[in-house]
Amino acid sequence: MFFLDHSPPHFHIEYSGFKAIINIKTQEIIEGELPAKQLKLVQAWAIIHETELENNFINLNSDQPSWKKIEPLK
């Protein structure tokens, strides 16, 4: 995520030369591409952490930007 980023709420991901922007609500790619296997893993992670992702997006777009670390898949 970036400070003062545009809507819809989303996050950026990079994997092995691939780049994508993922919608937090739908877990769909807004822009870019990822291999199918990695996309499914990212989507599963985003579903588990949807509330945390939404909160970070809101906080990063506030007057006092801040974020909290979100645990990876294990």
PDB file of N, CA and C in Angstrom:
ATOM      1  N   MET A   1       0.839  -1.178   0.000  1.00  0.00           N
ATOM      2  CA  MET A   1       0.000   0.000   0.000  1.00  0.00           C
ATOM      3  C   MET A   1       0.883   1.239   0.000  1.00  0.00           C
ATOM      4  N   PHE A   2       0.323   2.317  -0.536  1.00  0.00           N
ATOM      5  CA  PHE A   2       1.035   3.580  -0.579  1.00  0.00           C
ATOM      6  C   PHE A   2       0.246   4.638   0.173  1.00  0.00           C
ATOM      7  N   PHE A   3       0.952   5.639   0.698  1.00  0.00           N
ATOM      8  CA  PHE A   3       0.295   6.759   1.354  1.00  0.00           C
ATOM      9  C   PHE A   3      -0.542   7.526   0.334  1.00  0.00           C
ATOM     10  N   LEU A   4      -1.723   7.965   0.744  1.00  0.00           N
ATOM     11  CA  LEU A   4      -2.622   8.793  -0.070  1.00  0.00           C
ATOM     12  C   LEU A   4      -2.843   8.203  -1.460  1.00  0.00           C
ATOM     13  N   ASP A   5      -3.141   6.917  -1.511  1.00  0.00           N
ATOM     14  CA  ASP A   5      -3.375   6.219  -2.776  1.00  0.00           C
ATOM     15  C   ASP A   5      -4.835   6.354  -3.197  1.00  0.00           C
ATOM     16  N   HIS A   6      -5.102   6.073  -4.445  1.00  0.00           N
ATOM     17  CA  HIS A   6      -6.432   6.234  -5.042  1.00  0.00           C
ATOM     18  C   HIS A   6      -7.379   5.098  -4.664  1.00  0.00           C
ATOM     19  N   SER A   7      -8.666   5.334  -4.831  1.00  0.00           N
ATOM     20  CA  SER A   7      -9.692   4.299  -4.635  1.00  0.00           C
ATOM     21  C   SER A   7      -9.835   3.506  -5.921  1.00  0.00           C
ATOM     22  N   PRO A   8     -10.403   2.317  -5.864  1.00  0.00           N
ATOM     23  CA  PRO A   8     -10.969   1.609  -4.727  1.00  0.00           C
ATOM     24  C   PRO A   8      -9.854   1.110  -3.809  1.00  0.00           C
ATOM     25  N   PRO A   9     -10.214   0.772  -2.562  1.00  0.00           N
ATOM     26  CA  PRO A   9      -9.208   0.239  -1.641  1.00  0.00           C
ATOM     27  C   PRO A   9      -8.511  -0.987  -2.242  1.00  0.00           C
ATOM     28  N   HIS A  10      -7.190  -0.959  -2.216  1.00  0.00           N
ATOM     29  CA  HIS A  10      -6.419  -2.000  -2.876  1.00  0.00           C
ATOM     30  C   HIS A  10      -5.035  -2.111  -2.242  1.00  0.00           C
ATOM     31  N   PHE A  11      -4.293  -3.130  -2.671  1.00  0.00           N
ATOM     32  CA  PHE A  11      -2.900  -3.263  -2.285  1.00  0.00           C
ATOM     33  C   PHE A  11      -2.102  -3.713  -3.503  1.00  0.00           C
ATOM     34  N   HIS A  12      -0.821  -3.462  -3.454  1.00  0.00           N
ATOM     35  CA  HIS A  12       0.087  -3.787  -4.557  1.00  0.00           C
ATOM     36  C   HIS A  12       0.863  -5.041  -4.191  1.00  0.00           C
ATOM     37  N   ILE A  13       1.149  -5.849  -5.203  1.00  0.00           N
ATOM     38  CA  ILE A  13       1.936  -7.063  -4.974  1.00  0.00           C
ATOM     39  C   ILE A  13       2.932  -7.239  -6.110  1.00  0.00           C
ATOM     40  N   GLU A  14       4.104  -7.739  -5.745  1.00  0.00           N
ATOM     41  CA  GLU A  14       5.132  -8.082  -6.727  1.00  0.00           C
ATOM     42  C   GLU A  14       5.579  -9.518  -6.458  1.00  0.00           C
ATOM     43  N   TYR A  15       5.732 -10.264  -7.544  1.00  0.00           N
ATOM     44  CA  TYR A  15       6.192 -11.649  -7.422  1.00  0.00           C
ATOM     45  C   TYR A  15       6.982 -12.017  -8.670  1.00  0.00           C
ATOM     46  N   SER A  16       8.243 -12.294  -8.504  1.00  0.00           N
ATOM     47  CA  SER A  16       9.088 -12.823  -9.577  1.00  0.00           C
ATOM     48  C   SER A  16       8.913 -12.075 -10.900  1.00  0.00           C
ATOM     49  N   GLY A  17       8.980 -10.755 -10.837  1.00  0.00           N
ATOM     50  CA  GLY A  17       8.857  -9.940 -12.049  1.00  0.00           C
ATOM     51  C   GLY A  17       7.432  -9.567 -12.418  1.00  0.00           C
ATOM     52  N   PHE A  18       6.449 -10.168 -11.774  1.00  0.00           N
ATOM     53  CA  PHE A  18       5.045  -9.828 -12.004  1.00  0.00           C
ATOM     54  C   PHE A  18       4.640  -8.745 -11.008  1.00  0.00           C
ATOM     55  N   LYS A  19       3.759  -7.865 -11.427  1.00  0.00           N
ATOM     56  CA  LYS A  19       3.212  -6.831 -10.545  1.00  0.00           C
ATOM     57  C   LYS A  19       1.705  -6.797 -10.737  1.00  0.00           C
ATOM     58  N   ALA A  20       0.989  -6.582  -9.644  1.00  0.00           N
ATOM     59  CA  ALA A  20      -0.472  -6.498  -9.725  1.00  0.00           C
ATOM     60  C   ALA A  20      -1.000  -5.602  -8.616  1.00  0.00           C
ATOM     61  N   ILE A  21      -2.181  -5.063  -8.862  1.00  0.00           N
ATOM     62  CA  ILE A  21      -2.927  -4.305  -7.866  1.00  0.00           C
ATOM     63  C   ILE A  21      -4.191  -5.110  -7.594  1.00  0.00           C
ATOM     64  N   ILE A  22      -4.447  -5.408  -6.316  1.00  0.00           N
ATOM     65  CA  ILE A  22      -5.555  -6.277  -5.922  1.00  0.00           C
ATOM     66  C   ILE A  22      -6.601  -5.476  -5.154  1.00  0.00           C
ATOM     67  N   ASN A  23      -7.860  -5.600  -5.562  1.00  0.00           N
ATOM     68  CA  ASN A  23      -8.975  -4.966  -4.869  1.00  0.00           C
ATOM     69  C   ASN A  23      -9.191  -5.678  -3.531  1.00  0.00           C
ATOM     70  N   ILE A  24      -9.263  -4.910  -2.448  1.00  0.00           N
ATOM     71  CA  ILE A  24      -9.413  -5.514  -1.124  1.00  0.00           C
ATOM     72  C   ILE A  24     -10.761  -6.213  -0.965  1.00  0.00           C
ATOM     73  N   LYS A  25     -11.833  -5.627  -1.447  1.00  0.00           N
ATOM     74  CA  LYS A  25     -13.182  -6.202  -1.278  1.00  0.00           C
ATOM     75  C   LYS A  25     -13.408  -7.455  -2.118  1.00  0.00           C
ATOM     76  N   THR A  26     -12.960  -7.410  -3.379  1.00  0.00           N
ATOM     77  CA  THR A  26     -13.256  -8.521  -4.292  1.00  0.00           C
ATOM     78  C   THR A  26     -12.095  -9.496  -4.471  1.00  0.00           C
ATOM     79  N   GLN A  27     -10.916  -9.106  -4.025  1.00  0.00           N
ATOM     80  CA  GLN A  27      -9.688  -9.876  -4.205  1.00  0.00           C
ATOM     81  C   GLN A  27      -9.363 -10.109  -5.686  1.00  0.00           C
ATOM     82  N   GLU A  28      -9.909  -9.295  -6.565  1.00  0.00           N
ATOM     83  CA  GLU A  28      -9.641  -9.419  -7.998  1.00  0.00           C
ATOM     84  C   GLU A  28      -8.522  -8.472  -8.406  1.00  0.00           C
ATOM     85  N   ILE A  29      -7.824  -8.835  -9.478  1.00  0.00           N
ATOM     86  CA  ILE A  29      -6.775  -7.979 -10.010  1.00  0.00           C
ATOM     87  C   ILE A  29      -7.419  -6.764 -10.671  1.00  0.00           C
ATOM     88  N   ILE A  30      -6.985  -5.571 -10.254  1.00  0.00           N
ATOM     89  CA  ILE A  30      -7.430  -4.322 -10.871  1.00  0.00           C
ATOM     90  C   ILE A  30      -6.530  -3.995 -12.054  1.00  0.00           C
ATOM     91  N   GLU A  31      -5.248  -4.277 -11.858  1.00  0.00           N
ATOM     92  CA  GLU A  31      -4.258  -3.952 -12.887  1.00  0.00           C
ATOM     93  C   GLU A  31      -3.095  -4.918 -12.757  1.00  0.00           C
ATOM     94  N   GLY A  32      -2.473  -5.275 -13.877  1.00  0.00           N
ATOM     95  CA  GLY A  32      -1.315  -6.154 -13.869  1.00  0.00           C
ATOM     96  C   GLY A  32      -1.700  -7.610 -13.957  1.00  0.00           C
ATOM     97  N   GLU A  33      -0.752  -8.469 -13.559  1.00  0.00           N
ATOM     98  CA  GLU A  33      -1.012  -9.900 -13.616  1.00  0.00           C
ATOM     99  C   GLU A  33      -0.112 -10.661 -12.646  1.00  0.00           C
ATOM    100  N   LEU A  34      -0.577 -11.845 -12.280  1.00  0.00           N
ATOM    101  CA  LEU A  34       0.163 -12.792 -11.442  1.00  0.00           C
ATOM    102  C   LEU A  34      -0.100 -14.190 -11.970  1.00  0.00           C
ATOM    103  N   PRO A  35       0.836 -15.109 -11.793  1.00  0.00           N
ATOM    104  CA  PRO A  35       0.550 -16.502 -12.138  1.00  0.00           C
ATOM    105  C   PRO A  35      -0.637 -17.004 -11.301  1.00  0.00           C
ATOM    106  N   ALA A  36      -1.410 -17.912 -11.859  1.00  0.00           N
ATOM    107  CA  ALA A  36      -2.652 -18.389 -11.227  1.00  0.00           C
ATOM    108  C   ALA A  36      -2.429 -18.916  -9.812  1.00  0.00           C
ATOM    109  N   LYS A  37      -1.390 -19.717  -9.604  1.00  0.00           N
ATOM    110  CA  LYS A  37      -1.134 -20.300  -8.281  1.00  0.00           C
ATOM    111  C   LYS A  37      -0.880 -19.206  -7.240  1.00  0.00           C
ATOM    112  N   GLN A  38      -0.057 -18.233  -7.590  1.00  0.00           N
ATOM    113  CA  GLN A  38       0.260 -17.148  -6.662  1.00  0.00           C
ATOM    114  C   GLN A  38      -0.947 -16.249  -6.428  1.00  0.00           C
ATOM    115  N   LEU A  39      -1.745 -16.022  -7.456  1.00  0.00           N
ATOM    116  CA  LEU A  39      -2.958 -15.228  -7.295  1.00  0.00           C
ATOM    117  C   LEU A  39      -3.899 -15.886  -6.288  1.00  0.00           C
ATOM    118  N   LYS A  40      -4.056 -17.200  -6.360  1.00  0.00           N
ATOM    119  CA  LYS A  40      -4.934 -17.901  -5.413  1.00  0.00           C
ATOM    120  C   LYS A  40      -4.419 -17.771  -3.978  1.00  0.00           C
ATOM    121  N   LEU A  41      -3.117 -17.839  -3.804  1.00  0.00           N
ATOM    122  CA  LEU A  41      -2.542 -17.664  -2.459  1.00  0.00           C
ATOM    123  C   LEU A  41      -2.774 -16.242  -1.948  1.00  0.00           C
ATOM    124  N   VAL A  42      -2.563 -15.258  -2.805  1.00  0.00           N
ATOM    125  CA  VAL A  42      -2.785 -13.857  -2.429  1.00  0.00           C
ATOM    126  C   VAL A  42      -4.259 -13.640  -2.095  1.00  0.00           C
ATOM    127  N   GLN A  43      -5.153 -14.199  -2.888  1.00  0.00           N
ATOM    128  CA  GLN A  43      -6.591 -14.040  -2.640  1.00  0.00           C
ATOM    129  C   GLN A  43      -6.982 -14.670  -1.301  1.00  0.00           C
ATOM    130  N   ALA A  44      -6.448 -15.846  -0.996  1.00  0.00           N
ATOM    131  CA  ALA A  44      -6.748 -16.495   0.290  1.00  0.00           C
ATOM    132  C   ALA A  44      -6.255 -15.628   1.438  1.00  0.00           C
ATOM    133  N   TRP A  45      -5.039 -15.097   1.320  1.00  0.00           N
ATOM    134  CA  TRP A  45      -4.477 -14.227   2.354  1.00  0.00           C
ATOM    135  C   TRP A  45      -5.334 -12.970   2.519  1.00  0.00           C
ATOM    136  N   ALA A  46      -5.769 -12.372   1.388  1.00  0.00           N
ATOM    137  CA  ALA A  46      -6.572 -11.146   1.433  1.00  0.00           C
ATOM    138  C   ALA A  46      -7.929 -11.383   2.084  1.00  0.00           C
ATOM    139  N   ILE A  47      -8.513 -12.536   1.870  1.00  0.00           N
ATOM    140  CA  ILE A  47      -9.798 -12.866   2.512  1.00  0.00           C
ATOM    141  C   ILE A  47      -9.605 -12.962   4.025  1.00  0.00           C
ATOM    142  N   ILE A  48      -8.555 -13.648   4.450  1.00  0.00           N
ATOM    143  CA  ILE A  48      -8.277 -13.810   5.878  1.00  0.00           C
ATOM    144  C   ILE A  48      -8.032 -12.458   6.547  1.00  0.00           C
ATOM    145  N   HIS A  49      -7.379 -11.547   5.844  1.00  0.00           N
ATOM    146  CA  HIS A  49      -6.951 -10.271   6.434  1.00  0.00           C
ATOM    147  C   HIS A  49      -7.704  -9.061   5.878  1.00  0.00           C
ATOM    148  N   GLU A  50      -8.906  -9.274   5.364  1.00  0.00           N
ATOM    149  CA  GLU A  50      -9.653  -8.187   4.726  1.00  0.00           C
ATOM    150  C   GLU A  50      -9.837  -6.975   5.643  1.00  0.00           C
ATOM    151  N   THR A  51     -10.234  -7.194   6.874  1.00  0.00           N
ATOM    152  CA  THR A  51     -10.458  -6.082   7.801  1.00  0.00           C
ATOM    153  C   THR A  51      -9.166  -5.316   8.065  1.00  0.00           C
ATOM    154  N   GLU A  52      -8.077  -6.037   8.265  1.00  0.00           N
ATOM    155  CA  GLU A  52      -6.783  -5.384   8.496  1.00  0.00           C
ATOM    156  C   GLU A  52      -6.342  -4.586   7.269  1.00  0.00           C
ATOM    157  N   LEU A  53      -6.548  -5.141   6.088  1.00  0.00           N
ATOM    158  CA  LEU A  53      -6.203  -4.438   4.851  1.00  0.00           C
ATOM    159  C   LEU A  53      -7.030  -3.162   4.701  1.00  0.00           C
ATOM    160  N   GLU A  54      -8.334  -3.280   4.957  1.00  0.00           N
ATOM    161  CA  GLU A  54      -9.203  -2.104   4.871  1.00  0.00           C
ATOM    162  C   GLU A  54      -8.762  -1.025   5.856  1.00  0.00           C
ATOM    163  N   ASN A  55      -8.467  -1.420   7.094  1.00  0.00           N
ATOM    164  CA  ASN A  55      -8.029  -0.460   8.108  1.00  0.00           C
ATOM    165  C   ASN A  55      -6.724   0.213   7.702  1.00  0.00           C
ATOM    166  N   ASN A  56      -5.783  -0.544   7.188  1.00  0.00           N
ATOM    167  CA  ASN A  56      -4.528   0.048   6.729  1.00  0.00           C
ATOM    168  C   ASN A  56      -4.766   1.025   5.593  1.00  0.00           C
ATOM    169  N   PHE A  57      -5.625   0.669   4.645  1.00  0.00           N
ATOM    170  CA  PHE A  57      -5.902   1.565   3.517  1.00  0.00           C
ATOM    171  C   PHE A  57      -6.500   2.880   4.026  1.00  0.00           C
ATOM    172  N   ILE A  58      -7.462   2.783   4.930  1.00  0.00           N
ATOM    173  CA  ILE A  58      -8.084   3.991   5.501  1.00  0.00           C
ATOM    174  C   ILE A  58      -7.039   4.817   6.255  1.00  0.00           C
ATOM    175  N   ASN A  59      -6.249   4.159   7.091  1.00  0.00           N
ATOM    176  CA  ASN A  59      -5.238   4.871   7.876  1.00  0.00           C
ATOM    177  C   ASN A  59      -4.174   5.530   7.007  1.00  0.00           C
ATOM    178  N   LEU A  60      -3.772   4.874   5.929  1.00  0.00           N
ATOM    179  CA  LEU A  60      -2.757   5.446   5.045  1.00  0.00           C
ATOM    180  C   LEU A  60      -3.290   6.632   4.244  1.00  0.00           C
ATOM    181  N   ASN A  61      -4.598   6.766   4.167  1.00  0.00           N
ATOM    182  CA  ASN A  61      -5.204   7.874   3.433  1.00  0.00           C
ATOM    183  C   ASN A  61      -5.789   8.925   4.371  1.00  0.00           C
ATOM    184  N   SER A  62      -5.359   8.925   5.612  1.00  0.00           N
ATOM    185  CA  SER A  62      -5.848   9.885   6.597  1.00  0.00           C
ATOM    186  C   SER A  62      -4.859  11.044   6.739  1.00  0.00           C
ATOM    187  N   ASP A  63      -5.211  11.992   7.591  1.00  0.00           N
ATOM    188  CA  ASP A  63      -4.340  13.145   7.847  1.00  0.00           C
ATOM    189  C   ASP A  63      -3.043  12.750   8.536  1.00  0.00           C
ATOM    190  N   GLN A  64      -3.071  11.646   9.278  1.00  0.00           N
ATOM    191  CA  GLN A  64      -1.878  11.142   9.954  1.00  0.00           C
ATOM    192  C   GLN A  64      -1.649   9.689   9.545  1.00  0.00           C
ATOM    193  N   PRO A  65      -1.078   9.488   8.357  1.00  0.00           N
ATOM    194  CA  PRO A  65      -0.934   8.138   7.816  1.00  0.00           C
ATOM    195  C   PRO A  65      -0.153   7.194   8.736  1.00  0.00           C
ATOM    196  N   SER A  66      -0.685   5.999   8.890  1.00  0.00           N
ATOM    197  CA  SER A  66      -0.014   4.945   9.641  1.00  0.00           C
ATOM    198  C   SER A  66      -0.527   3.600   9.137  1.00  0.00           C
ATOM    199  N   TRP A  67       0.192   2.544   9.462  1.00  0.00           N
ATOM    200  CA  TRP A  67      -0.235   1.206   9.072  1.00  0.00           C
ATOM    201  C   TRP A  67       0.257   0.209  10.107  1.00  0.00           C
ATOM    202  N   LYS A  68      -0.352  -0.965  10.076  1.00  0.00           N
ATOM    203  CA  LYS A  68       0.053  -2.061  10.956  1.00  0.00           C
ATOM    204  C   LYS A  68       0.473  -3.245  10.096  1.00  0.00           C
ATOM    205  N   LYS A  69       1.521  -3.917  10.519  1.00  0.00           N
ATOM    206  CA  LYS A  69       2.017  -5.093   9.805  1.00  0.00           C
ATOM    207  C   LYS A  69       0.948  -6.178   9.811  1.00  0.00           C
ATOM    208  N   ILE A  70       0.810  -6.854   8.684  1.00  0.00           N
ATOM    209  CA  ILE A  70      -0.148  -7.957   8.546  1.00  0.00           C
ATOM    210  C   ILE A  70       0.654  -9.242   8.346  1.00  0.00           C
ATOM    211  N   GLU A  71       0.325 -10.250   9.112  1.00  0.00           N
ATOM    212  CA  GLU A  71       1.054 -11.510   9.062  1.00  0.00           C
ATOM    213  C   GLU A  71       0.919 -12.185   7.689  1.00  0.00           C
ATOM    214  N   PRO A  72       1.988 -12.815   7.219  1.00  0.00           N
ATOM    215  CA  PRO A  72       1.931 -13.558   5.959  1.00  0.00           C
ATOM    216  C   PRO A  72       1.242 -14.913   6.154  1.00  0.00           C
ATOM    217  N   LEU A  73       0.955 -15.590   5.043  1.00  0.00           N
ATOM    218  CA  LEU A  73       0.473 -16.974   5.126  1.00  0.00           C
ATOM    219  C   LEU A  73       1.596 -17.841   5.638  1.00  0.00           C
ATOM    220  N   LYS A  74       1.249 -18.832   6.416  1.00  0.00           N
ATOM    221  CA  LYS A  74       2.292 -19.744   6.941  1.00  0.00           C
ATOM    222  C   LYS A  74       2.051 -21.145   6.467  1.00  0.00           C
TER     223      LYS A  74
END
